[in-house]
């Protein structure tokens, strides 16, 4: 009886939490529609904090928060939240469009280092879906692969067996690709090895030392790769391959 009561209490608490979160999201959306962007930001940040505390994230919430920040003139924070949304939903065209537009407002225009066209094509294909979708595709392909094996083993007609054999090979290859993409997407979400410069002007040094030589400066909104840390310093790499050290305070992890 006590166990039943505990379960009932947990269900009620869960329902109350979901109701509160939904109410907060609706209030944030209403504040955005009435152009009260600071209030919208405050409410969306509450939802993000609650989601993170519960071990979950929402691409939609990050996207809406990014829109509110952008409308409020805070481009770097808008880019940060668009990037977080894109990490969760890499195939979303709206997120990509808004992110590209927001990047036109930042000061640093860094040319990317040349990469093999096939690599770009594979990455574009991989980013069509998130890790969960690729994992679902991989499971479906595995079932299809098992069906091909069963057909090959138990059907007597030669042409059907040959078709099942070659189809199974193709499905097996695509299954490996889907699994690889799912692992890669999930690894990107877990590692979080990229960040956005949040400081108005961040000095990039040759070493993790305030007295070392300054290599160049980056400005808010610039995306960087995070390589390693040393105390309060972090080694960053920008799109053209240049590497240097800056204070952790200058960068926020995506």
Protein backbone atom coordinates (compact mmCIF):
# COMPACT_ATOMS: atom_id res chain seq x y z
CA UNK A 1 0.00 0.00 0.00
CA UNK A 2 2.83 2.39 0.93
CA UNK A 3 4.63 1.55 -2.31
CA UNK A 4 1.49 2.43 -4.28
CA UNK A 5 1.25 5.78 -2.46
CA UNK A 6 4.90 6.54 -3.23
CA UNK A 7 4.36 5.79 -6.90
CA UNK A 8 1.25 7.97 -6.94
CA UNK A 9 3.17 10.83 -5.32
CA UNK A 10 5.96 10.50 -7.90
CA UNK A 11 3.42 10.58 -10.74
CA UNK A 12 1.75 13.68 -9.29
CA UNK A 13 5.11 15.41 -8.87
CA UNK A 14 6.06 14.53 -12.44
CA UNK A 15 2.77 15.88 -13.76
CA UNK A 16 3.20 19.06 -11.72
CA UNK A 17 6.74 19.52 -13.04
CA UNK A 18 5.65 18.99 -16.64
CA UNK A 19 2.74 21.38 -16.16
CA UNK A 20 5.03 24.04 -14.67
CA UNK A 21 7.55 23.66 -17.49
CA UNK A 22 4.83 23.87 -20.15
CA UNK A 23 3.35 26.94 -18.46
CA UNK A 24 6.78 28.59 -18.37
CA UNK A 25 7.37 27.85 -22.05
CA UNK A 26 3.99 29.33 -22.95
CA UNK A 27 4.74 32.44 -20.90
CA UNK A 28 8.15 32.76 -22.58
CA UNK A 29 6.55 32.43 -26.01
CA UNK A 30 3.97 35.06 -25.14
CA UNK A 31 6.69 37.43 -23.92
CA UNK A 32 8.54 36.90 -27.21
CA UNK A 33 5.40 37.65 -29.25
CA UNK A 34 4.87 40.89 -27.32
CA UNK A 35 8.55 41.79 -27.90
CA UNK A 36 9.42 41.58 -24.21
CA UNK A 37 12.65 39.79 -25.05
CA UNK A 38 14.40 40.10 -21.63
CA UNK A 39 11.41 38.42 -19.97
CA UNK A 40 11.31 35.76 -22.67
CA UNK A 41 15.02 35.08 -22.15
CA UNK A 42 14.60 34.83 -18.39
CA UNK A 43 11.78 32.30 -18.69
CA UNK A 44 13.47 30.20 -21.37
CA UNK A 45 16.65 30.12 -19.28
CA UNK A 46 14.57 28.76 -16.39
CA UNK A 47 13.31 25.95 -18.62
CA UNK A 48 16.85 25.20 -19.85
CA UNK A 49 18.14 25.07 -16.26
CA UNK A 50 15.33 22.71 -15.28
CA UNK A 51 15.94 20.48 -18.31
CA UNK A 52 19.67 20.28 -17.60
CA UNK A 53 19.02 19.41 -13.95
CA UNK A 54 16.78 16.57 -15.14
CA UNK A 55 19.40 15.34 -17.61
CA UNK A 56 17.51 16.30 -20.74
CA UNK A 57 17.75 19.00 -23.39
CA UNK A 58 15.41 20.38 -26.03
CA UNK A 59 16.51 21.66 -29.44
CA UNK A 60 13.28 23.65 -29.67
CA UNK A 61 13.89 25.47 -26.38
CA UNK A 62 17.48 26.32 -27.33
CA UNK A 63 16.26 27.54 -30.72
CA UNK A 64 13.59 29.77 -29.17
CA UNK A 65 16.07 31.07 -26.61
CA UNK A 66 18.50 31.85 -29.42
CA UNK A 67 15.79 33.81 -31.24
CA UNK A 68 15.05 35.81 -28.08
CA UNK A 69 18.72 36.61 -27.55
CA UNK A 70 19.11 37.64 -31.19
CA UNK A 71 16.10 39.96 -31.01
CA UNK A 72 17.54 41.40 -27.81
CA UNK A 73 20.78 42.25 -29.61
CA UNK A 74 22.91 39.59 -27.87
CA UNK A 75 24.37 37.90 -30.93
CA UNK A 76 27.00 35.76 -29.18
CA UNK A 77 24.42 34.18 -26.84
CA UNK A 78 22.07 33.70 -29.78
CA UNK A 79 24.78 31.82 -31.69
CA UNK A 80 25.59 29.75 -28.59
CA UNK A 81 22.00 28.58 -28.27
CA UNK A 82 21.56 28.01 -32.01
CA UNK A 83 24.68 25.81 -31.90
CA UNK A 84 23.29 23.87 -28.94
CA UNK A 85 20.01 23.40 -30.79
CA UNK A 86 21.86 22.25 -33.91
CA UNK A 87 23.87 19.76 -31.86
CA UNK A 88 20.59 18.12 -30.81
CA UNK A 89 18.84 18.48 -34.16
CA UNK A 90 21.48 18.73 -36.92
CA UNK A 91 18.99 18.30 -39.74
CA UNK A 92 16.78 21.28 -38.81
CA UNK A 93 16.89 23.81 -41.67
CA UNK A 94 15.39 26.64 -39.58
CA UNK A 95 18.16 26.37 -37.00
CA UNK A 96 20.82 26.36 -39.71
CA UNK A 97 19.26 29.37 -41.45
CA UNK A 98 19.09 31.46 -38.27
CA UNK A 99 22.61 30.44 -37.28
CA UNK A 100 24.00 31.47 -40.67
CA UNK A 101 22.21 34.82 -40.42
CA UNK A 102 23.45 35.43 -36.87
CA UNK A 103 27.02 34.74 -37.97
CA UNK A 104 26.81 37.62 -40.45
CA UNK A 105 26.56 39.95 -37.43
CA UNK A 106 29.87 38.95 -35.80
CA UNK A 107 33.19 40.72 -36.36
CA UNK A 108 35.50 37.77 -37.10
CA UNK A 109 35.22 36.42 -40.65
CA UNK A 110 37.54 33.42 -40.61
CA UNK A 111 38.20 31.40 -43.76
CA UNK A 112 37.95 27.68 -43.12
CA UNK A 113 40.90 25.45 -43.92
CA UNK A 114 40.44 23.42 -47.08
CA UNK A 115 38.97 19.96 -46.57
CA UNK A 116 38.43 17.07 -48.96
CA UNK A 117 35.10 17.40 -50.78
CA UNK A 118 34.17 13.82 -49.89
CA UNK A 119 34.57 14.64 -46.19
CA UNK A 120 32.22 17.61 -46.58
CA UNK A 121 29.70 15.41 -48.40
CA UNK A 122 29.82 12.70 -45.71
CA UNK A 123 29.41 15.28 -42.93
CA UNK A 124 26.46 16.88 -44.71
CA UNK A 125 24.82 13.46 -45.09
CA UNK A 126 25.54 12.57 -41.45
CA UNK A 127 23.96 15.81 -40.24
CA UNK A 128 20.64 15.06 -41.90
CA UNK A 129 19.54 13.29 -38.71
CA UNK A 130 20.46 13.17 -35.04
CA UNK A 131 21.96 10.18 -33.23
CA UNK A 132 18.61 8.73 -32.16
CA UNK A 133 17.26 8.76 -35.70
CA UNK A 134 20.42 7.15 -37.10
CA UNK A 135 20.22 4.49 -34.37
CA UNK A 136 16.60 3.76 -35.32
CA UNK A 137 17.60 3.48 -38.98
CA UNK A 138 20.41 1.11 -38.00
CA UNK A 139 17.97 -1.13 -36.08
CA UNK A 140 15.57 -1.19 -39.03
CA UNK A 141 18.43 -2.10 -41.38
CA UNK A 142 19.54 -4.87 -39.00
CA UNK A 143 16.04 -6.35 -39.12
CA UNK A 144 16.15 -6.16 -42.91
CA UNK A 145 19.55 -7.86 -42.86
CA UNK A 146 18.18 -10.72 -40.74
CA UNK A 147 15.28 -11.07 -43.17
CA UNK A 148 17.74 -11.39 -46.05
CA UNK A 149 19.68 -14.07 -44.17
CA UNK A 150 16.47 -16.01 -43.47
CA UNK A 151 15.43 -15.73 -47.11
CA UNK A 152 18.85 -16.95 -48.29
CA UNK A 153 18.81 -19.93 -45.91
CA UNK A 154 15.23 -21.14 -46.30
CA UNK A 155 14.06 -20.19 -49.80
CA UNK A 156 14.94 -22.71 -52.50
CA UNK A 157 14.63 -20.60 -55.63
CA UNK A 158 18.10 -19.61 -56.83
CA UNK A 159 17.24 -16.12 -58.10
CA UNK A 160 15.53 -15.22 -54.81
CA UNK A 161 18.51 -16.49 -52.83
CA UNK A 162 20.91 -14.48 -55.00
CA UNK A 163 18.79 -11.36 -54.62
CA UNK A 164 18.64 -11.83 -50.86
CA UNK A 165 22.41 -12.38 -50.71
CA UNK A 166 23.39 -9.21 -52.56
CA UNK A 167 20.64 -7.15 -50.93
CA UNK A 168 21.87 -8.34 -47.55
CA UNK A 169 25.39 -7.14 -48.35
CA UNK A 170 24.11 -3.69 -49.32
CA UNK A 171 21.92 -3.47 -46.22
CA UNK A 172 24.81 -4.59 -44.02
CA UNK A 173 27.04 -1.81 -45.39
CA UNK A 174 24.35 0.83 -44.85
CA UNK A 175 23.74 -0.55 -41.35
CA UNK A 176 27.43 -0.03 -40.51
CA UNK A 177 27.26 3.52 -41.89
CA UNK A 178 24.12 4.32 -39.87
CA UNK A 179 25.73 2.93 -36.71
CA UNK A 180 28.86 4.98 -37.37
CA UNK A 181 26.82 8.15 -37.86
CA UNK A 182 24.80 7.47 -34.69
CA UNK A 183 27.99 6.97 -32.68
CA UNK A 184 29.58 10.11 -34.15
CA UNK A 185 26.52 12.26 -33.44
CA UNK A 186 26.21 10.97 -29.88
CA UNK A 187 29.93 11.43 -29.29
CA UNK A 188 29.64 15.08 -30.37
CA UNK A 189 26.81 15.61 -27.89
CA UNK A 190 28.76 14.00 -25.05
CA UNK A 191 32.22 15.48 -25.64
CA UNK A 192 31.11 19.08 -26.26
CA UNK A 193 34.56 20.04 -27.57
CA UNK A 194 33.49 23.27 -29.27
CA UNK A 195 32.63 26.65 -27.80
CA UNK A 196 31.66 30.23 -28.55
CA UNK A 197 33.76 33.26 -27.66
CA UNK A 198 31.65 35.35 -25.27
CA UNK A 199 34.13 38.13 -24.49
CA UNK A 200 33.94 41.34 -26.50
CA UNK A 201 37.65 40.89 -27.31
CA UNK A 202 39.65 37.81 -26.30
CA UNK A 203 43.45 37.68 -26.50
CA UNK A 204 44.82 34.42 -27.90
CA UNK A 205 48.28 33.72 -26.51
CA UNK A 206 51.16 31.43 -27.49
CA UNK A 207 51.01 29.60 -24.14
CA UNK A 208 48.85 29.44 -20.98
CA UNK A 209 50.58 32.45 -19.48
CA UNK A 210 49.38 36.04 -19.30
CA UNK A 211 52.94 37.20 -20.03
CA UNK A 212 53.29 35.16 -23.22
CA UNK A 213 53.06 36.67 -26.69
CA UNK A 214 49.65 37.54 -28.10
CA UNK A 215 49.01 35.76 -31.40
CA UNK A 216 45.70 37.34 -32.38
CA UNK A 217 42.36 38.44 -30.99
CA UNK A 218 38.91 36.92 -31.33
CA UNK A 219 35.59 38.64 -30.77
CA UNK A 220 32.25 37.54 -29.38
CA UNK A 221 30.28 35.03 -31.41
CA UNK A 222 33.25 33.23 -32.97
CA UNK A 223 33.10 29.44 -32.84
CA UNK A 224 36.24 27.62 -31.68
CA UNK A 225 37.35 24.05 -31.10
CA UNK A 226 38.42 23.26 -27.54
CA UNK A 227 41.59 21.15 -27.46
CA UNK A 228 42.89 20.97 -23.90
CA UNK A 229 42.97 22.88 -20.62
CA UNK A 230 45.70 24.02 -18.26
CA UNK A 231 44.42 25.54 -15.03
CA UNK A 232 42.31 28.57 -15.94
CA UNK A 233 43.48 28.44 -19.55
CA UNK A 234 42.11 26.59 -22.54
CA UNK A 235 43.75 25.84 -25.89
CA UNK A 236 41.47 26.76 -28.77
CA UNK A 237 41.60 26.17 -32.51
CA UNK A 238 39.77 28.31 -35.06
CA UNK A 239 38.37 27.35 -38.46
CA UNK A 240 41.55 28.19 -40.40
CA UNK A 241 43.65 25.89 -38.19
CA UNK A 242 45.30 28.58 -36.02
CA UNK A 243 45.85 27.48 -32.41
CA UNK A 244 46.40 29.44 -29.20
CA UNK A 245 45.53 29.80 -25.53
CA UNK A 246 42.94 31.99 -23.86
CA UNK A 247 41.25 32.31 -20.47
CA UNK A 248 38.35 29.91 -19.86
CA UNK A 249 36.23 32.95 -18.95
CA UNK A 250 36.33 34.06 -22.60
CA UNK A 251 34.67 30.92 -23.97
CA UNK A 252 31.45 29.08 -23.21
CA UNK A 253 31.11 25.42 -24.15
CA UNK A 254 28.39 24.58 -26.67
